[in-house]
Amino acid sequence: MASLNAYSFILVLFITSGVVIATKKNDKFIKENNCEAKMDMPCVLEVFDSIFKTGSVTNKCCGELLVLGKKCHHALVKRALENPIFKNLDQMTIMHKSITTWDNCLKLSHSPSPCA
């Protein structure tokens, strides 16, 4: 029985250390790529609302999101999910909404201009 408890402890330690490493890697990527400074605050909130709540993203903010880049976008969403206030959210749903938001902005950027 003691070996089972030791095994469980080692397994938990291994899993949590992986999360810490992933978090540090994610934060390092965000800092190295200056991800937090590439969008203005109203657009950050608009994109955030479209992912974590309901809403849509304007053309202007879609443009800023695409300039931010897909890797920065996903890194910032993953970091937000690490916040304890979001612990009760379904992470798969949030990641799906994040991808959908990105894809919708990408489609919008490739659609013909209404003025053309």
N, C-alpha and C. Protein backbone atom coordinates (compact mmCIF):
# COMPACT_ATOMS: atom_id res chain seq x y z
N MET A 1 0.82 -1.20 0.00
CA MET A 1 0.00 0.00 0.00
C MET A 1 0.86 1.26 0.00
N ALA A 2 1.95 1.21 0.75
CA ALA A 2 2.83 2.37 0.82
C ALA A 2 3.44 2.66 -0.55
N SER A 3 3.75 1.59 -1.30
CA SER A 3 4.34 1.81 -2.63
C SER A 3 3.33 2.46 -3.57
N LEU A 4 2.04 2.15 -3.41
CA LEU A 4 1.01 2.78 -4.22
C LEU A 4 0.93 4.27 -3.93
N ASN A 5 1.00 4.64 -2.66
CA ASN A 5 0.98 6.06 -2.28
C ASN A 5 2.22 6.78 -2.81
N ALA A 6 3.37 6.14 -2.74
CA ALA A 6 4.59 6.74 -3.26
C ALA A 6 4.49 6.91 -4.77
N TYR A 7 3.94 5.91 -5.44
CA TYR A 7 3.76 5.99 -6.89
C TYR A 7 2.81 7.13 -7.24
N SER A 8 1.71 7.25 -6.51
CA SER A 8 0.75 8.33 -6.74
C SER A 8 1.39 9.69 -6.53
N PHE A 9 2.20 9.82 -5.49
CA PHE A 9 2.88 11.08 -5.20
C PHE A 9 3.84 11.44 -6.34
N ILE A 10 4.60 10.47 -6.81
CA ILE A 10 5.55 10.71 -7.91
C ILE A 10 4.80 11.10 -9.17
N LEU A 11 3.68 10.45 -9.45
CA LEU A 11 2.88 10.76 -10.63
C LEU A 11 2.35 12.19 -10.55
N VAL A 12 1.81 12.60 -9.43
CA VAL A 12 1.31 13.96 -9.24
C VAL A 12 2.44 14.96 -9.38
N LEU A 13 3.59 14.67 -8.80
CA LEU A 13 4.75 15.55 -8.89
C LEU A 13 5.18 15.71 -10.34
N PHE A 14 5.22 14.63 -11.09
CA PHE A 14 5.60 14.66 -12.50
C PHE A 14 4.62 15.51 -13.31
N ILE A 15 3.33 15.32 -13.10
CA ILE A 15 2.31 16.05 -13.85
C ILE A 15 2.38 17.54 -13.52
N THR A 16 2.46 17.89 -12.25
CA THR A 16 2.49 19.31 -11.88
C THR A 16 3.77 19.99 -12.33
N SER A 17 4.89 19.27 -12.34
CA SER A 17 6.12 19.89 -12.83
C SER A 17 6.02 20.15 -14.33
N GLY A 18 5.32 19.30 -15.06
CA GLY A 18 5.08 19.52 -16.49
C GLY A 18 4.26 20.77 -16.72
N VAL A 19 3.27 21.00 -15.87
CA VAL A 19 2.43 22.20 -15.99
C VAL A 19 3.26 23.44 -15.72
N VAL A 20 4.12 23.40 -14.71
CA VAL A 20 4.96 24.55 -14.38
C VAL A 20 5.91 24.83 -15.54
N ILE A 21 6.51 23.79 -16.12
CA ILE A 21 7.41 23.98 -17.25
C ILE A 21 6.66 24.57 -18.43
N ALA A 22 5.45 24.06 -18.71
CA ALA A 22 4.64 24.58 -19.82
C ALA A 22 4.29 26.05 -19.59
N THR A 23 3.96 26.39 -18.35
CA THR A 23 3.60 27.77 -18.02
C THR A 23 4.80 28.69 -18.22
N LYS A 24 5.96 28.27 -17.76
CA LYS A 24 7.16 29.09 -17.91
C LYS A 24 7.52 29.24 -19.38
N LYS A 25 7.37 28.17 -20.14
CA LYS A 25 7.66 28.22 -21.58
C LYS A 25 6.70 29.18 -22.27
N ASN A 26 5.44 29.11 -21.89
CA ASN A 26 4.41 29.98 -22.45
C ASN A 26 4.70 31.45 -22.11
N ASP A 27 5.03 31.74 -20.87
CA ASP A 27 5.34 33.11 -20.45
C ASP A 27 6.59 33.62 -21.18
N LYS A 28 7.57 32.76 -21.34
CA LYS A 28 8.80 33.14 -22.04
C LYS A 28 8.48 33.51 -23.49
N PHE A 29 7.65 32.70 -24.15
CA PHE A 29 7.28 32.98 -25.53
C PHE A 29 6.56 34.33 -25.62
N ILE A 30 5.62 34.57 -24.73
CA ILE A 30 4.85 35.82 -24.72
C ILE A 30 5.79 37.01 -24.54
N LYS A 31 6.73 36.90 -23.60
CA LYS A 31 7.66 38.01 -23.34
C LYS A 31 8.61 38.21 -24.52
N GLU A 32 9.18 37.12 -25.04
CA GLU A 32 10.15 37.24 -26.14
C GLU A 32 9.53 37.82 -27.41
N ASN A 33 8.26 37.54 -27.63
CA ASN A 33 7.59 38.01 -28.84
C ASN A 33 6.75 39.26 -28.63
N ASN A 34 6.86 39.83 -27.42
CA ASN A 34 6.16 41.08 -27.10
C ASN A 34 4.67 40.98 -27.41
N CYS A 35 4.09 39.82 -27.14
CA CYS A 35 2.69 39.55 -27.50
C CYS A 35 1.70 40.51 -26.85
N GLU A 36 1.99 40.93 -25.63
CA GLU A 36 1.03 41.75 -24.89
C GLU A 36 0.92 43.18 -25.40
N ALA A 37 1.89 43.62 -26.17
CA ALA A 37 1.90 45.02 -26.60
C ALA A 37 1.44 45.20 -28.05
N LYS A 38 1.00 44.15 -28.70
CA LYS A 38 0.68 44.24 -30.13
C LYS A 38 -0.77 44.60 -30.43
N MET A 39 -1.62 44.66 -29.41
CA MET A 39 -3.02 45.02 -29.60
C MET A 39 -3.39 46.09 -28.60
N ASP A 40 -4.31 46.99 -29.00
CA ASP A 40 -4.77 47.98 -28.04
C ASP A 40 -5.82 47.35 -27.13
N MET A 41 -6.01 47.96 -25.97
CA MET A 41 -6.86 47.37 -24.94
C MET A 41 -8.30 47.14 -25.39
N PRO A 42 -8.96 48.05 -26.11
CA PRO A 42 -10.33 47.77 -26.55
C PRO A 42 -10.41 46.51 -27.42
N CYS A 43 -9.41 46.29 -28.27
CA CYS A 43 -9.42 45.09 -29.12
C CYS A 43 -9.12 43.84 -28.31
N VAL A 44 -8.24 43.96 -27.33
CA VAL A 44 -7.96 42.82 -26.45
C VAL A 44 -9.25 42.39 -25.76
N LEU A 45 -9.99 43.36 -25.24
CA LEU A 45 -11.25 43.06 -24.55
C LEU A 45 -12.29 42.47 -25.50
N GLU A 46 -12.33 42.98 -26.71
CA GLU A 46 -13.29 42.48 -27.71
C GLU A 46 -13.00 41.02 -28.07
N VAL A 47 -11.73 40.71 -28.30
CA VAL A 47 -11.34 39.34 -28.61
C VAL A 47 -11.58 38.44 -27.40
N PHE A 48 -11.21 38.94 -26.22
CA PHE A 48 -11.43 38.19 -24.98
C PHE A 48 -12.91 37.86 -24.81
N ASP A 49 -13.77 38.84 -25.01
CA ASP A 49 -15.22 38.61 -24.88
C ASP A 49 -15.72 37.58 -25.88
N SER A 50 -15.18 37.61 -27.09
CA SER A 50 -15.64 36.65 -28.11
C SER A 50 -15.22 35.23 -27.75
N ILE A 51 -14.16 35.08 -26.98
CA ILE A 51 -13.67 33.75 -26.62
C ILE A 51 -14.26 33.29 -25.29
N PHE A 52 -14.22 34.14 -24.28
CA PHE A 52 -14.62 33.73 -22.93
C PHE A 52 -16.07 34.02 -22.61
N LYS A 53 -16.72 34.81 -23.43
CA LYS A 53 -18.14 35.11 -23.23
C LYS A 53 -18.82 34.90 -24.57
N THR A 54 -19.61 35.86 -25.02
CA THR A 54 -20.18 35.81 -26.37
C THR A 54 -19.99 37.17 -27.00
N GLY A 55 -19.85 37.18 -28.27
CA GLY A 55 -19.65 38.44 -28.97
C GLY A 55 -18.91 38.21 -30.26
N SER A 56 -18.73 39.29 -30.98
CA SER A 56 -18.01 39.18 -32.24
C SER A 56 -16.86 40.17 -32.23
N VAL A 57 -15.99 40.04 -33.22
CA VAL A 57 -14.82 40.88 -33.30
C VAL A 57 -14.96 41.78 -34.53
N THR A 58 -14.74 43.07 -34.35
CA THR A 58 -14.85 44.02 -35.46
C THR A 58 -13.70 43.82 -36.45
N ASN A 59 -13.85 44.39 -37.63
CA ASN A 59 -12.80 44.32 -38.65
C ASN A 59 -11.49 44.87 -38.12
N LYS A 60 -11.56 46.02 -37.44
CA LYS A 60 -10.35 46.65 -36.90
C LYS A 60 -9.63 45.71 -35.95
N CYS A 61 -10.37 45.12 -35.05
CA CYS A 61 -9.74 44.24 -34.05
C CYS A 61 -9.31 42.91 -34.66
N CYS A 62 -10.01 42.45 -35.68
CA CYS A 62 -9.54 41.26 -36.40
C CYS A 62 -8.18 41.54 -37.03
N GLY A 63 -8.04 42.73 -37.59
CA GLY A 63 -6.75 43.11 -38.17
C GLY A 63 -5.64 43.10 -37.13
N GLU A 64 -5.93 43.64 -35.96
CA GLU A 64 -4.94 43.65 -34.88
C GLU A 64 -4.63 42.24 -34.41
N LEU A 65 -5.65 41.39 -34.35
CA LEU A 65 -5.45 40.00 -33.94
C LEU A 65 -4.54 39.28 -34.92
N LEU A 66 -4.76 39.49 -36.20
CA LEU A 66 -3.93 38.83 -37.21
C LEU A 66 -2.49 39.34 -37.17
N VAL A 67 -2.30 40.63 -36.88
CA VAL A 67 -0.94 41.18 -36.73
C VAL A 67 -0.29 40.56 -35.49
N LEU A 68 -1.06 40.34 -34.45
CA LEU A 68 -0.56 39.69 -33.24
C LEU A 68 0.06 38.34 -33.59
N GLY A 69 -0.60 37.59 -34.45
CA GLY A 69 -0.10 36.29 -34.86
C GLY A 69 -0.77 35.16 -34.11
N LYS A 70 -0.88 34.04 -34.78
CA LYS A 70 -1.58 32.88 -34.23
C LYS A 70 -0.90 32.33 -32.98
N LYS A 71 0.43 32.28 -32.99
CA LYS A 71 1.14 31.72 -31.83
C LYS A 71 0.97 32.61 -30.60
N CYS A 72 1.06 33.93 -30.77
CA CYS A 72 0.83 34.83 -29.64
C CYS A 72 -0.61 34.71 -29.15
N HIS A 73 -1.55 34.66 -30.09
CA HIS A 73 -2.97 34.54 -29.74
C HIS A 73 -3.20 33.31 -28.86
N HIS A 74 -2.71 32.17 -29.30
CA HIS A 74 -2.93 30.94 -28.54
C HIS A 74 -2.17 30.94 -27.21
N ALA A 75 -0.97 31.51 -27.20
CA ALA A 75 -0.21 31.58 -25.95
C ALA A 75 -0.93 32.44 -24.92
N LEU A 76 -1.50 33.55 -25.35
CA LEU A 76 -2.23 34.43 -24.43
C LEU A 76 -3.51 33.77 -23.92
N VAL A 77 -4.20 33.03 -24.79
CA VAL A 77 -5.41 32.32 -24.35
C VAL A 77 -5.04 31.24 -23.34
N LYS A 78 -3.99 30.49 -23.63
CA LYS A 78 -3.55 29.44 -22.69
C LYS A 78 -3.16 30.04 -21.35
N ARG A 79 -2.48 31.18 -21.38
CA ARG A 79 -2.10 31.82 -20.12
C ARG A 79 -3.34 32.28 -19.35
N ALA A 80 -4.31 32.82 -20.06
CA ALA A 80 -5.55 33.23 -19.39
C ALA A 80 -6.22 32.04 -18.72
N LEU A 81 -6.18 30.89 -19.38
CA LEU A 81 -6.81 29.69 -18.82
C LEU A 81 -6.10 29.19 -17.55
N GLU A 82 -4.85 29.60 -17.37
CA GLU A 82 -4.12 29.22 -16.16
C GLU A 82 -4.56 30.04 -14.95
N ASN A 83 -5.27 31.13 -15.18
CA ASN A 83 -5.75 31.98 -14.09
C ASN A 83 -6.82 31.23 -13.30
N PRO A 84 -6.71 31.19 -11.99
CA PRO A 84 -7.68 30.46 -11.16
C PRO A 84 -9.14 30.90 -11.36
N ILE A 85 -9.39 32.14 -11.79
CA ILE A 85 -10.78 32.57 -11.97
C ILE A 85 -11.45 31.85 -13.14
N PHE A 86 -10.65 31.21 -13.99
CA PHE A 86 -11.21 30.47 -15.13
C PHE A 86 -11.15 28.96 -14.92
N LYS A 87 -10.86 28.52 -13.71
CA LYS A 87 -10.68 27.09 -13.46
C LYS A 87 -11.94 26.26 -13.72
N ASN A 88 -13.11 26.86 -13.64
CA ASN A 88 -14.34 26.11 -13.84
C ASN A 88 -14.80 26.08 -15.30
N LEU A 89 -14.06 26.74 -16.18
CA LEU A 89 -14.44 26.74 -17.59
C LEU A 89 -13.93 25.49 -18.28
N ASP A 90 -14.66 25.05 -19.27
CA ASP A 90 -14.24 23.90 -20.07
C ASP A 90 -13.14 24.37 -21.02
N GLN A 91 -11.92 23.94 -20.76
CA GLN A 91 -10.78 24.40 -21.54
C GLN A 91 -10.89 24.02 -23.01
N MET A 92 -11.45 22.87 -23.31
CA MET A 92 -11.62 22.46 -24.71
C MET A 92 -12.57 23.42 -25.44
N THR A 93 -13.63 23.83 -24.77
CA THR A 93 -14.57 24.78 -25.37
C THR A 93 -13.90 26.12 -25.62
N ILE A 94 -13.12 26.59 -24.65
CA ILE A 94 -12.43 27.87 -24.79
C ILE A 94 -11.42 27.79 -25.94
N MET A 95 -10.67 26.72 -26.01
CA MET A 95 -9.68 26.59 -27.10
C MET A 95 -10.40 26.52 -28.45
N HIS A 96 -11.54 25.85 -28.51
CA HIS A 96 -12.32 25.79 -29.75
C HIS A 96 -12.80 27.20 -30.14
N LYS A 97 -13.31 27.95 -29.16
CA LYS A 97 -13.76 29.32 -29.44
C LYS A 97 -12.59 30.21 -29.86
N SER A 98 -11.43 29.97 -29.29
CA SER A 98 -10.23 30.72 -29.66
C SER A 98 -9.87 30.47 -31.12
N ILE A 99 -9.89 29.21 -31.52
CA ILE A 99 -9.59 28.84 -32.91
C ILE A 99 -10.65 29.40 -33.85
N THR A 100 -11.92 29.32 -33.45
CA THR A 100 -13.01 29.85 -34.27
C THR A 100 -12.85 31.36 -34.45
N THR A 101 -12.52 32.07 -33.38
CA THR A 101 -12.31 33.52 -33.47
C THR A 101 -11.18 33.83 -34.44
N TRP A 102 -10.08 33.10 -34.32
CA TRP A 102 -8.95 33.30 -35.23
C TRP A 102 -9.37 33.04 -36.68
N ASP A 103 -10.04 31.89 -36.90
CA ASP A 103 -10.46 31.52 -38.26
C ASP A 103 -11.43 32.52 -38.85
N ASN A 104 -12.36 33.03 -38.04
CA ASN A 104 -13.31 34.03 -38.53
C ASN A 104 -12.59 35.32 -38.94
N CYS A 105 -11.60 35.73 -38.16
CA CYS A 105 -10.83 36.93 -38.53
C CYS A 105 -10.01 36.68 -39.79
N LEU A 106 -9.48 35.50 -39.92
CA LEU A 106 -8.71 35.16 -41.11
C LEU A 106 -9.60 35.19 -42.36
N LYS A 107 -10.81 34.63 -42.25
CA LYS A 107 -11.77 34.66 -43.36
C LYS A 107 -12.15 36.10 -43.71
N LEU A 108 -12.36 36.89 -42.68
CA LEU A 108 -12.74 38.30 -42.87
C LEU A 108 -11.64 39.06 -43.62
N SER A 109 -10.41 38.74 -43.31
CA SER A 109 -9.29 39.44 -43.96
C SER A 109 -9.16 39.05 -45.43
N HIS A 110 -9.67 37.88 -45.79
CA HIS A 110 -9.59 37.41 -47.19
C HIS A 110 -10.85 37.69 -48.00
N SER A 111 -11.87 38.22 -47.33
CA SER A 111 -13.11 38.50 -48.05
C SER A 111 -12.96 39.80 -48.83
N PRO A 112 -13.64 39.91 -49.96
CA PRO A 112 -13.54 41.15 -50.73
C PRO A 112 -14.12 42.33 -49.98
N SER A 113 -13.54 43.48 -50.19
CA SER A 113 -13.98 44.69 -49.52
C SER A 113 -15.37 45.08 -50.05
N PRO A 114 -16.28 45.52 -49.18
CA PRO A 114 -17.61 45.93 -49.64
C PRO A 114 -17.55 47.15 -50.55
N CYS A 115 -16.45 47.89 -50.52
CA CYS A 115 -16.30 49.07 -51.36
C CYS A 115 -15.75 48.73 -52.74
N ALA A 116 -15.28 47.51 -52.93
CA ALA A 116 -14.66 47.15 -54.21
C ALA A 116 -15.68 46.85 -55.28
